[in-house]
Amino acid sequence: FHLGVLSADGYCKPFEASGTGYMRSEAIAVIYLQKAKNAKRIYAT
């Protein structure tokens, strides 16, 4: 917040002209990558 990157109202509004800052967020995410010939499912290449 002191760095000036967080929004005062706690909302994140990407592409907004005023650029008021973002809301900090938690997340945990994992993807599995393998070669297509070994994959049983393909979401994306």
PDB file of all heavy atoms in Angstrom:
ATOM      1  N   PHE A   1       0.832  -1.201   0.000  1.00  0.00           N
ATOM      2  CA  PHE A   1       0.000   0.000   0.000  1.00  0.00           C
ATOM      3  C   PHE A   1       0.869   1.255   0.000  1.00  0.00           C
ATOM      4  O   PHE A   1       0.608   2.215  -0.737  1.00  0.00           O
ATOM      5  CB  PHE A   1      -0.938  -0.011   1.203  1.00  0.00           C
ATOM      6  CG  PHE A   1      -1.950   1.096   1.190  1.00  0.00           C
ATOM      7  CD1 PHE A   1      -2.900   1.193   0.182  1.00  0.00           C
ATOM      8  CD2 PHE A   1      -1.968   2.046   2.195  1.00  0.00           C
ATOM      9  CE1 PHE A   1      -3.841   2.206   0.161  1.00  0.00           C
ATOM     10  CE2 PHE A   1      -2.903   3.071   2.190  1.00  0.00           C
ATOM     11  CZ  PHE A   1      -3.841   3.150   1.170  1.00  0.00           C
ATOM     12  N   HIS A   2       1.936   1.242   0.814  1.00  0.00           N
ATOM     13  CA  HIS A   2       2.852   2.381   0.838  1.00  0.00           C
ATOM     14  C   HIS A   2       3.592   2.540  -0.486  1.00  0.00           C
ATOM     15  O   HIS A   2       3.961   3.662  -0.868  1.00  0.00           O
ATOM     16  CB  HIS A   2       3.865   2.219   1.973  1.00  0.00           C
ATOM     17  CG  HIS A   2       3.282   2.483   3.328  1.00  0.00           C
ATOM     18  ND1 HIS A   2       3.907   2.137   4.499  1.00  0.00           N
ATOM     19  CD2 HIS A   2       2.097   3.069   3.699  1.00  0.00           C
ATOM     20  CE1 HIS A   2       3.157   2.490   5.526  1.00  0.00           C
ATOM     21  NE2 HIS A   2       2.057   3.055   5.060  1.00  0.00           N
ATOM     22  N   LEU A   3       3.789   1.436  -1.184  1.00  0.00           N
ATOM     23  CA  LEU A   3       4.425   1.500  -2.499  1.00  0.00           C
ATOM     24  C   LEU A   3       3.530   2.185  -3.525  1.00  0.00           C
ATOM     25  O   LEU A   3       4.007   2.669  -4.552  1.00  0.00           O
ATOM     26  CB  LEU A   3       4.784   0.079  -2.963  1.00  0.00           C
ATOM     27  CG  LEU A   3       5.653  -0.073  -4.195  1.00  0.00           C
ATOM     28  CD1 LEU A   3       7.023   0.566  -3.999  1.00  0.00           C
ATOM     29  CD2 LEU A   3       5.806  -1.550  -4.555  1.00  0.00           C
ATOM     30  N   GLY A   4       2.227   2.216  -3.225  1.00  0.00           N
ATOM     31  CA  GLY A   4       1.292   2.918  -4.090  1.00  0.00           C
ATOM     32  C   GLY A   4       0.631   2.064  -5.153  1.00  0.00           C
ATOM     33  O   GLY A   4       0.055   2.601  -6.110  1.00  0.00           O
ATOM     34  N   VAL A   5       0.671   0.727  -4.997  1.00  0.00           N
ATOM     35  CA  VAL A   5       0.111  -0.139  -6.029  1.00  0.00           C
ATOM     36  C   VAL A   5      -1.259  -0.714  -5.652  1.00  0.00           C
ATOM     37  O   VAL A   5      -1.915  -1.323  -6.492  1.00  0.00           O
ATOM     38  CB  VAL A   5       1.078  -1.295  -6.363  1.00  0.00           C
ATOM     39  CG1 VAL A   5       2.366  -0.761  -6.938  1.00  0.00           C
ATOM     40  CG2 VAL A   5       1.350  -2.163  -5.131  1.00  0.00           C
ATOM     41  N   LEU A   6      -1.708  -0.531  -4.407  1.00  0.00           N
ATOM     42  CA  LEU A   6      -3.000  -1.064  -3.997  1.00  0.00           C
ATOM     43  C   LEU A   6      -4.076   0.009  -4.087  1.00  0.00           C
ATOM     44  O   LEU A   6      -3.837   1.182  -3.812  1.00  0.00           O
ATOM     45  CB  LEU A   6      -2.943  -1.580  -2.553  1.00  0.00           C
ATOM     46  CG  LEU A   6      -1.945  -2.691  -2.247  1.00  0.00           C
ATOM     47  CD1 LEU A   6      -2.158  -3.203  -0.825  1.00  0.00           C
ATOM     48  CD2 LEU A   6      -2.048  -3.828  -3.245  1.00  0.00           C
ATOM     49  N   SER A   7      -5.273  -0.427  -4.469  1.00  0.00           N
ATOM     50  CA  SER A   7      -6.389   0.514  -4.573  1.00  0.00           C
ATOM     51  C   SER A   7      -6.928   0.828  -3.179  1.00  0.00           C
ATOM     52  O   SER A   7      -6.998  -0.055  -2.314  1.00  0.00           O
ATOM     53  CB  SER A   7      -7.511  -0.076  -5.437  1.00  0.00           C
ATOM     54  OG  SER A   7      -8.032  -1.259  -4.850  1.00  0.00           O
ATOM     55  N   ALA A   8      -7.312   2.063  -2.954  1.00  0.00           N
ATOM     56  CA  ALA A   8      -7.810   2.485  -1.640  1.00  0.00           C
ATOM     57  C   ALA A   8      -9.131   1.817  -1.290  1.00  0.00           C
ATOM     58  O   ALA A   8      -9.419   1.562  -0.120  1.00  0.00           O
ATOM     59  CB  ALA A   8      -7.967   4.004  -1.608  1.00  0.00           C
ATOM     60  N   ASP A   9      -9.949   1.498  -2.313  1.00  0.00           N
ATOM     61  CA  ASP A   9     -11.247   0.885  -2.029  1.00  0.00           C
ATOM     62  C   ASP A   9     -11.203  -0.642  -2.062  1.00  0.00           C
ATOM     63  O   ASP A   9     -12.207  -1.301  -1.795  1.00  0.00           O
ATOM     64  CB  ASP A   9     -12.316   1.393  -3.007  1.00  0.00           C
ATOM     65  CG  ASP A   9     -11.999   1.056  -4.464  1.00  0.00           C
ATOM     66  OD1 ASP A   9     -11.002   0.350  -4.725  1.00  0.00           O
ATOM     67  OD2 ASP A   9     -12.759   1.504  -5.347  1.00  0.00           O
ATOM     68  N   GLY A  10     -10.023  -1.213  -2.381  1.00  0.00           N
ATOM     69  CA  GLY A  10      -9.891  -2.657  -2.358  1.00  0.00           C
ATOM     70  C   GLY A  10     -10.455  -3.375  -3.563  1.00  0.00           C
ATOM     71  O   GLY A  10     -10.625  -4.596  -3.541  1.00  0.00           O
ATOM     72  N   TYR A  11     -10.716  -2.666  -4.644  1.00  0.00           N
ATOM     73  CA  TYR A  11     -11.212  -3.284  -5.874  1.00  0.00           C
ATOM     74  C   TYR A  11     -10.157  -3.184  -6.961  1.00  0.00           C
ATOM     75  O   TYR A  11      -9.383  -2.220  -7.003  1.00  0.00           O
ATOM     76  CB  TYR A  11     -12.513  -2.622  -6.332  1.00  0.00           C
ATOM     77  CG  TYR A  11     -13.698  -2.955  -5.469  1.00  0.00           C
ATOM     78  CD1 TYR A  11     -14.002  -2.186  -4.348  1.00  0.00           C
ATOM     79  CD2 TYR A  11     -14.512  -4.038  -5.757  1.00  0.00           C
ATOM     80  CE1 TYR A  11     -15.081  -2.493  -3.530  1.00  0.00           C
ATOM     81  CE2 TYR A  11     -15.606  -4.355  -4.946  1.00  0.00           C
ATOM     82  CZ  TYR A  11     -15.875  -3.582  -3.834  1.00  0.00           C
ATOM     83  OH  TYR A  11     -16.936  -3.896  -3.032  1.00  0.00           O
ATOM     84  N   CYS A  12     -10.138  -4.171  -7.841  1.00  0.00           N
ATOM     85  CA  CYS A  12      -9.178  -4.190  -8.943  1.00  0.00           C
ATOM     86  C   CYS A  12      -9.924  -3.941 -10.247  1.00  0.00           C
ATOM     87  O   CYS A  12     -10.863  -4.673 -10.582  1.00  0.00           O
ATOM     88  CB  CYS A  12      -8.471  -5.552  -8.988  1.00  0.00           C
ATOM     89  SG  CYS A  12      -7.063  -5.612 -10.106  1.00  0.00           S
ATOM     90  N   LYS A  13      -9.506  -2.885 -10.981  1.00  0.00           N
ATOM     91  CA  LYS A  13     -10.209  -2.485 -12.194  1.00  0.00           C
ATOM     92  C   LYS A  13      -9.223  -2.387 -13.356  1.00  0.00           C
ATOM     93  O   LYS A  13      -8.779  -1.294 -13.731  1.00  0.00           O
ATOM     94  CB  LYS A  13     -10.902  -1.139 -11.968  1.00  0.00           C
ATOM     95  CG  LYS A  13     -11.802  -1.119 -10.727  1.00  0.00           C
ATOM     96  CD  LYS A  13     -12.150   0.287 -10.300  1.00  0.00           C
ATOM     97  CE  LYS A  13     -12.876   0.292  -8.970  1.00  0.00           C
ATOM     98  NZ  LYS A  13     -13.095   1.659  -8.436  1.00  0.00           N
ATOM     99  N   PRO A  14      -8.833  -3.525 -13.943  1.00  0.00           N
ATOM    100  CA  PRO A  14      -7.872  -3.508 -15.046  1.00  0.00           C
ATOM    101  C   PRO A  14      -8.318  -2.623 -16.199  1.00  0.00           C
ATOM    102  O   PRO A  14      -9.509  -2.537 -16.512  1.00  0.00           O
ATOM    103  CB  PRO A  14      -7.823  -4.980 -15.482  1.00  0.00           C
ATOM    104  CG  PRO A  14      -8.257  -5.745 -14.273  1.00  0.00           C
ATOM    105  CD  PRO A  14      -9.275  -4.881 -13.606  1.00  0.00           C
ATOM    106  N   PHE A  15      -7.363  -1.937 -16.790  1.00  0.00           N
ATOM    107  CA  PHE A  15      -7.558  -1.084 -17.967  1.00  0.00           C
ATOM    108  C   PHE A  15      -8.288   0.226 -17.649  1.00  0.00           C
ATOM    109  O   PHE A  15      -8.517   1.029 -18.553  1.00  0.00           O
ATOM    110  CB  PHE A  15      -8.298  -1.817 -19.096  1.00  0.00           C
ATOM    111  CG  PHE A  15      -7.760  -3.171 -19.421  1.00  0.00           C
ATOM    112  CD1 PHE A  15      -8.507  -4.318 -19.192  1.00  0.00           C
ATOM    113  CD2 PHE A  15      -6.489  -3.315 -19.955  1.00  0.00           C
ATOM    114  CE1 PHE A  15      -8.010  -5.572 -19.490  1.00  0.00           C
ATOM    115  CE2 PHE A  15      -5.983  -4.569 -20.254  1.00  0.00           C
ATOM    116  CZ  PHE A  15      -6.749  -5.700 -20.022  1.00  0.00           C
ATOM    117  N   GLU A  16      -8.670   0.451 -16.412  1.00  0.00           N
ATOM    118  CA  GLU A  16      -9.327   1.712 -16.069  1.00  0.00           C
ATOM    119  C   GLU A  16      -8.331   2.864 -16.227  1.00  0.00           C
ATOM    120  O   GLU A  16      -7.169   2.758 -15.821  1.00  0.00           O
ATOM    121  CB  GLU A  16      -9.843   1.674 -14.634  1.00  0.00           C
ATOM    122  CG  GLU A  16     -10.662   2.902 -14.264  1.00  0.00           C
ATOM    123  CD  GLU A  16     -11.058   2.902 -12.799  1.00  0.00           C
ATOM    124  OE1 GLU A  16     -10.190   2.630 -11.955  1.00  0.00           O
ATOM    125  OE2 GLU A  16     -12.223   3.176 -12.503  1.00  0.00           O
ATOM    126  N   ALA A  17      -8.786   3.963 -16.791  1.00  0.00           N
ATOM    127  CA  ALA A  17      -7.888   5.075 -17.111  1.00  0.00           C
ATOM    128  C   ALA A  17      -7.201   5.652 -15.886  1.00  0.00           C
ATOM    129  O   ALA A  17      -6.038   6.070 -15.950  1.00  0.00           O
ATOM    130  CB  ALA A  17      -8.670   6.174 -17.831  1.00  0.00           C
ATOM    131  N   SER A  18      -7.908   5.655 -14.732  1.00  0.00           N
ATOM    132  CA  SER A  18      -7.314   6.259 -13.530  1.00  0.00           C
ATOM    133  C   SER A  18      -6.246   5.384 -12.895  1.00  0.00           C
ATOM    134  O   SER A  18      -5.427   5.873 -12.113  1.00  0.00           O
ATOM    135  CB  SER A  18      -8.419   6.547 -12.505  1.00  0.00           C
ATOM    136  OG  SER A  18      -9.090   5.357 -12.147  1.00  0.00           O
ATOM    137  N   GLY A  19      -6.233   4.079 -13.197  1.00  0.00           N
ATOM    138  CA  GLY A  19      -5.214   3.195 -12.659  1.00  0.00           C
ATOM    139  C   GLY A  19      -5.108   3.255 -11.153  1.00  0.00           C
ATOM    140  O   GLY A  19      -4.045   3.544 -10.592  1.00  0.00           O
ATOM    141  N   THR A  20      -6.204   2.959 -10.457  1.00  0.00           N
ATOM    142  CA  THR A  20      -6.263   3.161  -9.009  1.00  0.00           C
ATOM    143  C   THR A  20      -5.537   2.090  -8.204  1.00  0.00           C
ATOM    144  O   THR A  20      -5.393   2.224  -6.983  1.00  0.00           O
ATOM    145  CB  THR A  20      -7.721   3.204  -8.546  1.00  0.00           C
ATOM    146  OG1 THR A  20      -8.405   2.024  -9.004  1.00  0.00           O
ATOM    147  CG2 THR A  20      -8.417   4.434  -9.102  1.00  0.00           C
ATOM    148  N   GLY A  21      -5.083   1.011  -8.831  1.00  0.00           N
ATOM    149  CA  GLY A  21      -4.364  -0.023  -8.107  1.00  0.00           C
ATOM    150  C   GLY A  21      -5.146  -1.317  -7.994  1.00  0.00           C
ATOM    151  O   GLY A  21      -6.283  -1.421  -8.447  1.00  0.00           O
ATOM    152  N   TYR A  22      -4.532  -2.299  -7.361  1.00  0.00           N
ATOM    153  CA  TYR A  22      -5.150  -3.630  -7.322  1.00  0.00           C
ATOM    154  C   TYR A  22      -5.466  -4.085  -5.902  1.00  0.00           C
ATOM    155  O   TYR A  22      -5.057  -3.484  -4.911  1.00  0.00           O
ATOM    156  CB  TYR A  22      -4.257  -4.656  -8.022  1.00  0.00           C
ATOM    157  CG  TYR A  22      -2.901  -4.924  -7.374  1.00  0.00           C
ATOM    158  CD1 TYR A  22      -2.772  -5.782  -6.283  1.00  0.00           C
ATOM    159  CD2 TYR A  22      -1.734  -4.349  -7.884  1.00  0.00           C
ATOM    160  CE1 TYR A  22      -1.534  -6.058  -5.717  1.00  0.00           C
ATOM    161  CE2 TYR A  22      -0.489  -4.621  -7.324  1.00  0.00           C
ATOM    162  CZ  TYR A  22      -0.405  -5.484  -6.234  1.00  0.00           C
ATOM    163  OH  TYR A  22       0.812  -5.751  -5.675  1.00  0.00           O
ATOM    164  N   MET A  23      -6.207  -5.187  -5.819  1.00  0.00           N
ATOM    165  CA  MET A  23      -6.491  -5.880  -4.569  1.00  0.00           C
ATOM    166  C   MET A  23      -5.582  -7.097  -4.482  1.00  0.00           C
ATOM    167  O   MET A  23      -5.500  -7.883  -5.422  1.00  0.00           O
ATOM    168  CB  MET A  23      -7.960  -6.329  -4.547  1.00  0.00           C
ATOM    169  CG  MET A  23      -8.332  -7.216  -3.362  1.00  0.00           C
ATOM    170  SD  MET A  23     -10.013  -7.883  -3.487  1.00  0.00           S
ATOM    171  CE  MET A  23      -9.808  -9.148  -4.763  1.00  0.00           C
ATOM    172  N   ARG A  24      -4.884  -7.260  -3.370  1.00  0.00           N
ATOM    173  CA  ARG A  24      -4.046  -8.443  -3.187  1.00  0.00           C
ATOM    174  C   ARG A  24      -4.923  -9.682  -3.071  1.00  0.00           C
ATOM    175  O   ARG A  24      -6.017  -9.651  -2.524  1.00  0.00           O
ATOM    176  CB  ARG A  24      -3.170  -8.336  -1.941  1.00  0.00           C
ATOM    177  CG  ARG A  24      -2.114  -7.259  -2.010  1.00  0.00           C
ATOM    178  CD  ARG A  24      -1.074  -7.460  -0.911  1.00  0.00           C
ATOM    179  NE  ARG A  24      -0.191  -8.571  -1.197  1.00  0.00           N
ATOM    180  CZ  ARG A  24       0.377  -9.347  -0.271  1.00  0.00           C
ATOM    181  NH1 ARG A  24       0.108  -9.139   1.006  1.00  0.00           N
ATOM    182  NH2 ARG A  24       1.179 -10.336  -0.613  1.00  0.00           N
ATOM    183  N   SER A  25      -4.406 -10.789  -3.586  1.00  0.00           N
ATOM    184  CA  SER A  25      -5.219 -11.991  -3.648  1.00  0.00           C
ATOM    185  C   SER A  25      -4.379 -13.232  -3.389  1.00  0.00           C
ATOM    186  O   SER A  25      -3.192 -13.282  -3.730  1.00  0.00           O
ATOM    187  CB  SER A  25      -5.887 -12.089  -5.019  1.00  0.00           C
ATOM    188  OG  SER A  25      -6.637 -13.271  -5.141  1.00  0.00           O
ATOM    189  N   GLU A  26      -5.020 -14.229  -2.811  1.00  0.00           N
ATOM    190  CA  GLU A  26      -4.384 -15.528  -2.588  1.00  0.00           C
ATOM    191  C   GLU A  26      -4.775 -16.504  -3.687  1.00  0.00           C
ATOM    192  O   GLU A  26      -5.874 -16.430  -4.234  1.00  0.00           O
ATOM    193  CB  GLU A  26      -4.816 -16.100  -1.240  1.00  0.00           C
ATOM    194  CG  GLU A  26      -4.471 -15.215  -0.061  1.00  0.00           C
ATOM    195  CD  GLU A  26      -5.015 -15.729   1.250  1.00  0.00           C
ATOM    196  OE1 GLU A  26      -5.919 -16.588   1.235  1.00  0.00           O
ATOM    197  OE2 GLU A  26      -4.529 -15.273   2.304  1.00  0.00           O
ATOM    198  N   ALA A  27      -3.891 -17.426  -3.990  1.00  0.00           N
ATOM    199  CA  ALA A  27      -4.199 -18.483  -4.951  1.00  0.00           C
ATOM    200  C   ALA A  27      -3.131 -19.562  -4.865  1.00  0.00           C
ATOM    201  O   ALA A  27      -1.969 -19.291  -4.532  1.00  0.00           O
ATOM    202  CB  ALA A  27      -4.273 -17.935  -6.377  1.00  0.00           C
ATOM    203  N   ILE A  28      -3.542 -20.778  -5.142  1.00  0.00           N
ATOM    204  CA  ILE A  28      -2.636 -21.912  -5.307  1.00  0.00           C
ATOM    205  C   ILE A  28      -3.054 -22.587  -6.602  1.00  0.00           C
ATOM    206  O   ILE A  28      -4.231 -22.917  -6.776  1.00  0.00           O
ATOM    207  CB  ILE A  28      -2.744 -22.937  -4.155  1.00  0.00           C
ATOM    208  CG1 ILE A  28      -2.618 -22.260  -2.791  1.00  0.00           C
ATOM    209  CG2 ILE A  28      -1.702 -24.034  -4.335  1.00  0.00           C
ATOM    210  CD1 ILE A  28      -1.242 -21.773  -2.440  1.00  0.00           C
ATOM    211  N   ALA A  29      -2.138 -22.795  -7.525  1.00  0.00           N
ATOM    212  CA  ALA A  29      -2.496 -23.415  -8.800  1.00  0.00           C
ATOM    213  C   ALA A  29      -1.362 -24.302  -9.284  1.00  0.00           C
ATOM    214  O   ALA A  29      -0.187 -24.004  -9.056  1.00  0.00           O
ATOM    215  CB  ALA A  29      -2.821 -22.355  -9.848  1.00  0.00           C
ATOM    216  N   VAL A  30      -1.733 -25.401  -9.958  1.00  0.00           N
ATOM    217  CA  VAL A  30      -0.753 -26.362 -10.476  1.00  0.00           C
ATOM    218  C   VAL A  30      -1.223 -26.853 -11.839  1.00  0.00           C
ATOM    219  O   VAL A  30      -2.410 -27.140 -12.028  1.00  0.00           O
ATOM    220  CB  VAL A  30      -0.583 -27.576  -9.532  1.00  0.00           C
ATOM    221  CG1 VAL A  30       0.394 -28.586 -10.129  1.00  0.00           C
ATOM    222  CG2 VAL A  30      -0.103 -27.138  -8.159  1.00  0.00           C
ATOM    223  N   ILE A  31      -0.292 -26.938 -12.789  1.00  0.00           N
ATOM    224  CA  ILE A  31      -0.584 -27.577 -14.076  1.00  0.00           C
ATOM    225  C   ILE A  31       0.427 -28.693 -14.312  1.00  0.00           C
ATOM    226  O   ILE A  31       1.532 -28.682 -13.759  1.00  0.00           O
ATOM    227  CB  ILE A  31      -0.548 -26.586 -15.265  1.00  0.00           C
ATOM    228  CG1 ILE A  31       0.836 -25.937 -15.401  1.00  0.00           C
ATOM    229  CG2 ILE A  31      -1.641 -25.546 -15.133  1.00  0.00           C
ATOM    230  CD1 ILE A  31       0.969 -25.049 -16.634  1.00  0.00           C
ATOM    231  N   TYR A  32       0.029 -29.667 -15.104  1.00  0.00           N
ATOM    232  CA  TYR A  32       0.915 -30.779 -15.470  1.00  0.00           C
ATOM    233  C   TYR A  32       1.196 -30.697 -16.962  1.00  0.00           C
ATOM    234  O   TYR A  32       0.268 -30.632 -17.778  1.00  0.00           O
ATOM    235  CB  TYR A  32       0.267 -32.124 -15.127  1.00  0.00           C
ATOM    236  CG  TYR A  32       1.155 -33.319 -15.382  1.00  0.00           C
ATOM    237  CD1 TYR A  32       2.409 -33.422 -14.782  1.00  0.00           C
ATOM    238  CD2 TYR A  32       0.733 -34.349 -16.228  1.00  0.00           C
ATOM    239  CE1 TYR A  32       3.222 -34.522 -15.015  1.00  0.00           C
ATOM    240  CE2 TYR A  32       1.537 -35.457 -16.458  1.00  0.00           C
ATOM    241  CZ  TYR A  32       2.782 -35.536 -15.845  1.00  0.00           C
ATOM    242  OH  TYR A  32       3.587 -36.626 -16.079  1.00  0.00           O
ATOM    243  N   LEU A  33       2.466 -30.649 -17.300  1.00  0.00           N
ATOM    244  CA  LEU A  33       2.900 -30.571 -18.695  1.00  0.00           C
ATOM    245  C   LEU A  33       3.524 -31.893 -19.117  1.00  0.00           C
ATOM    246  O   LEU A  33       4.329 -32.465 -18.374  1.00  0.00           O
ATOM    247  CB  LEU A  33       3.929 -29.451 -18.880  1.00  0.00           C
ATOM    248  CG  LEU A  33       3.549 -28.037 -18.429  1.00  0.00           C
ATOM    249  CD1 LEU A  33       4.702 -27.081 -18.703  1.00  0.00           C
ATOM    250  CD2 LEU A  33       2.295 -27.574 -19.132  1.00  0.00           C
ATOM    251  N   GLN A  34       3.188 -32.350 -20.291  1.00  0.00           N
ATOM    252  CA  GLN A  34       3.823 -33.545 -20.849  1.00  0.00           C
ATOM    253  C   GLN A  34       3.761 -33.486 -22.370  1.00  0.00           C
ATOM    254  O   GLN A  34       3.127 -32.587 -22.938  1.00  0.00           O
ATOM    255  CB  GLN A  34       3.163 -34.816 -20.324  1.00  0.00           C
ATOM    256  CG  GLN A  34       1.682 -34.930 -20.591  1.00  0.00           C
ATOM    257  CD  GLN A  34       1.056 -36.160 -19.965  1.00  0.00           C
ATOM    258  OE1 GLN A  34      -0.114 -36.188 -19.683  1.00  0.00           O
ATOM    259  NE2 GLN A  34       1.813 -37.226 -19.756  1.00  0.00           N
ATOM    260  N   LYS A  35       4.416 -34.417 -23.012  1.00  0.00           N
ATOM    261  CA  LYS A  35       4.385 -34.443 -24.472  1.00  0.00           C
ATOM    262  C   LYS A  35       3.055 -35.013 -24.947  1.00  0.00           C
ATOM    263  O   LYS A  35       2.470 -35.885 -24.304  1.00  0.00           O
ATOM    264  CB  LYS A  35       5.552 -35.263 -24.999  1.00  0.00           C
ATOM    265  CG  LYS A  35       6.898 -34.608 -24.726  1.00  0.00           C
ATOM    266  CD  LYS A  35       8.046 -35.382 -25.339  1.00  0.00           C
ATOM    267  CE  LYS A  35       9.365 -34.654 -25.079  1.00  0.00           C
ATOM    268  NZ  LYS A  35      10.529 -35.390 -25.654  1.00  0.00           N
ATOM    269  N   ALA A  36       2.599 -34.512 -26.069  1.00  0.00           N
ATOM    270  CA  ALA A  36       1.275 -34.877 -26.580  1.00  0.00           C
ATOM    271  C   ALA A  36       1.116 -36.383 -26.757  1.00  0.00           C
ATOM    272  O   ALA A  36       0.048 -36.940 -26.499  1.00  0.00           O
ATOM    273  CB  ALA A  36       1.013 -34.155 -27.902  1.00  0.00           C
ATOM    274  N   LYS A  37       2.184 -37.043 -27.163  1.00  0.00           N
ATOM    275  CA  LYS A  37       2.097 -38.489 -27.417  1.00  0.00           C
ATOM    276  C   LYS A  37       1.837 -39.280 -26.138  1.00  0.00           C
ATOM    277  O   LYS A  37       1.372 -40.423 -26.197  1.00  0.00           O
ATOM    278  CB  LYS A  37       3.377 -38.984 -28.075  1.00  0.00           C
ATOM    279  CG  LYS A  37       4.622 -38.837 -27.223  1.00  0.00           C
ATOM    280  CD  LYS A  37       5.878 -39.260 -27.965  1.00  0.00           C
ATOM    281  CE  LYS A  37       7.129 -39.104 -27.096  1.00  0.00           C
ATOM    282  NZ  LYS A  37       8.361 -39.460 -27.857  1.00  0.00           N
ATOM    283  N   ASN A  38       2.121 -38.685 -24.990  1.00  0.00           N
ATOM    284  CA  ASN A  38       1.911 -39.366 -23.715  1.00  0.00           C
ATOM    285  C   ASN A  38       0.662 -38.913 -22.981  1.00  0.00           C
ATOM    286  O   ASN A  38       0.319 -39.477 -21.938  1.00  0.00           O
ATOM    287  CB  ASN A  38       3.122 -39.135 -22.800  1.00  0.00           C
ATOM    288  CG  ASN A  38       4.417 -39.629 -23.418  1.00  0.00           C
ATOM    289  OD1 ASN A  38       4.444 -40.680 -24.063  1.00  0.00           O
ATOM    290  ND2 ASN A  38       5.495 -38.880 -23.209  1.00  0.00           N
ATOM    291  N   ALA A  39      -0.009 -37.900 -23.508  1.00  0.00           N
ATOM    292  CA  ALA A  39      -1.135 -37.284 -22.792  1.00  0.00           C
ATOM    293  C   ALA A  39      -2.444 -38.009 -23.056  1.00  0.00           C
ATOM    294  O   ALA A  39      -2.748 -38.383 -24.197  1.00  0.00           O
ATOM    295  CB  ALA A  39      -1.262 -35.822 -23.195  1.00  0.00           C
ATOM    296  N   LYS A  40      -3.213 -38.199 -22.005  1.00  0.00           N
ATOM    297  CA  LYS A  40      -4.557 -38.752 -22.123  1.00  0.00           C
ATOM    298  C   LYS A  40      -5.593 -37.657 -22.332  1.00  0.00           C
ATOM    299  O   LYS A  40      -6.727 -37.929 -22.720  1.00  0.00           O
ATOM    300  CB  LYS A  40      -4.896 -39.559 -20.866  1.00  0.00           C
ATOM    301  CG  LYS A  40      -3.988 -40.761 -20.649  1.00  0.00           C
ATOM    302  CD  LYS A  40      -4.328 -41.495 -19.361  1.00  0.00           C
ATOM    303  CE  LYS A  40      -3.390 -42.673 -19.139  1.00  0.00           C
ATOM    304  NZ  LYS A  40      -3.664 -43.379 -17.855  1.00  0.00           N
ATOM    305  N   ARG A  41      -5.203 -36.430 -22.010  1.00  0.00           N
ATOM    306  CA  ARG A  41      -6.089 -35.281 -22.188  1.00  0.00           C
ATOM    307  C   ARG A  41      -5.236 -34.093 -22.588  1.00  0.00           C
ATOM    308  O   ARG A  41      -4.115 -33.940 -22.106  1.00  0.00           O
ATOM    309  CB  ARG A  41      -6.832 -34.980 -20.884  1.00  0.00           C
ATOM    310  CG  ARG A  41      -7.399 -33.588 -20.802  1.00  0.00           C
ATOM    311  CD  ARG A  41      -8.051 -33.334 -19.458  1.00  0.00           C
ATOM    312  NE  ARG A  41      -9.359 -33.970 -19.393  1.00  0.00           N
ATOM    313  CZ  ARG A  41     -10.014 -34.239 -18.269  1.00  0.00           C
ATOM    314  NH1 ARG A  41      -9.440 -33.965 -17.112  1.00  0.00           N
ATOM    315  NH2 ARG A  41     -11.206 -34.784 -18.291  1.00  0.00           N
ATOM    316  N   ILE A  42      -5.749 -33.256 -23.479  1.00  0.00           N
ATOM    317  CA  ILE A  42      -5.020 -32.053 -23.891  1.00  0.00           C
ATOM    318  C   ILE A  42      -5.937 -30.848 -23.738  1.00  0.00           C
ATOM    319  O   ILE A  42      -6.934 -30.708 -24.444  1.00  0.00           O
ATOM    320  CB  ILE A  42      -4.518 -32.167 -25.344  1.00  0.00           C
ATOM    321  CG1 ILE A  42      -3.505 -33.315 -25.476  1.00  0.00           C
ATOM    322  CG2 ILE A  42      -3.886 -30.851 -25.792  1.00  0.00           C
ATOM    323  CD1 ILE A  42      -3.002 -33.535 -26.891  1.00  0.00           C
ATOM    324  N   TYR A  43      -5.593 -29.989 -22.795  1.00  0.00           N
ATOM    325  CA  TYR A  43      -6.335 -28.747 -22.621  1.00  0.00           C
ATOM    326  C   TYR A  43      -5.818 -27.669 -23.570  1.00  0.00           C
ATOM    327  O   TYR A  43      -6.573 -26.863 -24.086  1.00  0.00           O
ATOM    328  CB  TYR A  43      -6.195 -28.239 -21.184  1.00  0.00           C
ATOM    329  CG  TYR A  43      -7.010 -28.998 -20.168  1.00  0.00           C
ATOM    330  CD1 TYR A  43      -6.414 -29.553 -19.047  1.00  0.00           C
ATOM    331  CD2 TYR A  43      -8.391 -29.156 -20.327  1.00  0.00           C
ATOM    332  CE1 TYR A  43      -7.161 -30.243 -18.091  1.00  0.00           C
ATOM    333  CE2 TYR A  43      -9.144 -29.842 -19.392  1.00  0.00           C
ATOM    334  CZ  TYR A  43      -8.518 -30.374 -18.269  1.00  0.00           C
ATOM    335  OH  TYR A  43      -9.264 -31.056 -17.335  1.00  0.00           O
ATOM    336  N   ALA A  44      -4.499 -27.629 -23.740  1.00  0.00           N
ATOM    337  CA  ALA A  44      -3.887 -26.600 -24.581  1.00  0.00           C
ATOM    338  C   ALA A  44      -2.485 -27.046 -24.947  1.00  0.00           C
ATOM    339  O   ALA A  44      -1.869 -27.865 -24.254  1.00  0.00           O
ATOM    340  CB  ALA A  44      -3.838 -25.263 -23.856  1.00  0.00           C
ATOM    341  N   THR A  45      -1.971 -26.494 -26.034  1.00  0.00           N
ATOM    342  CA  THR A  45      -0.604 -26.779 -26.471  1.00  0.00           C
ATOM    343  C   THR A  45       0.277 -25.567 -26.215  1.00  0.00           C
ATOM    344  O   THR A  45      -0.100 -24.437 -26.540  1.00  0.00           O
ATOM    345  CB  THR A  45      -0.577 -27.115 -27.977  1.00  0.00           C
ATOM    346  OG1 THR A  45      -1.400 -28.266 -28.216  1.00  0.00           O
ATOM    347  CG2 THR A  45       0.846 -27.409 -28.446  1.00  0.00           C
TER     348      THR A  45
END
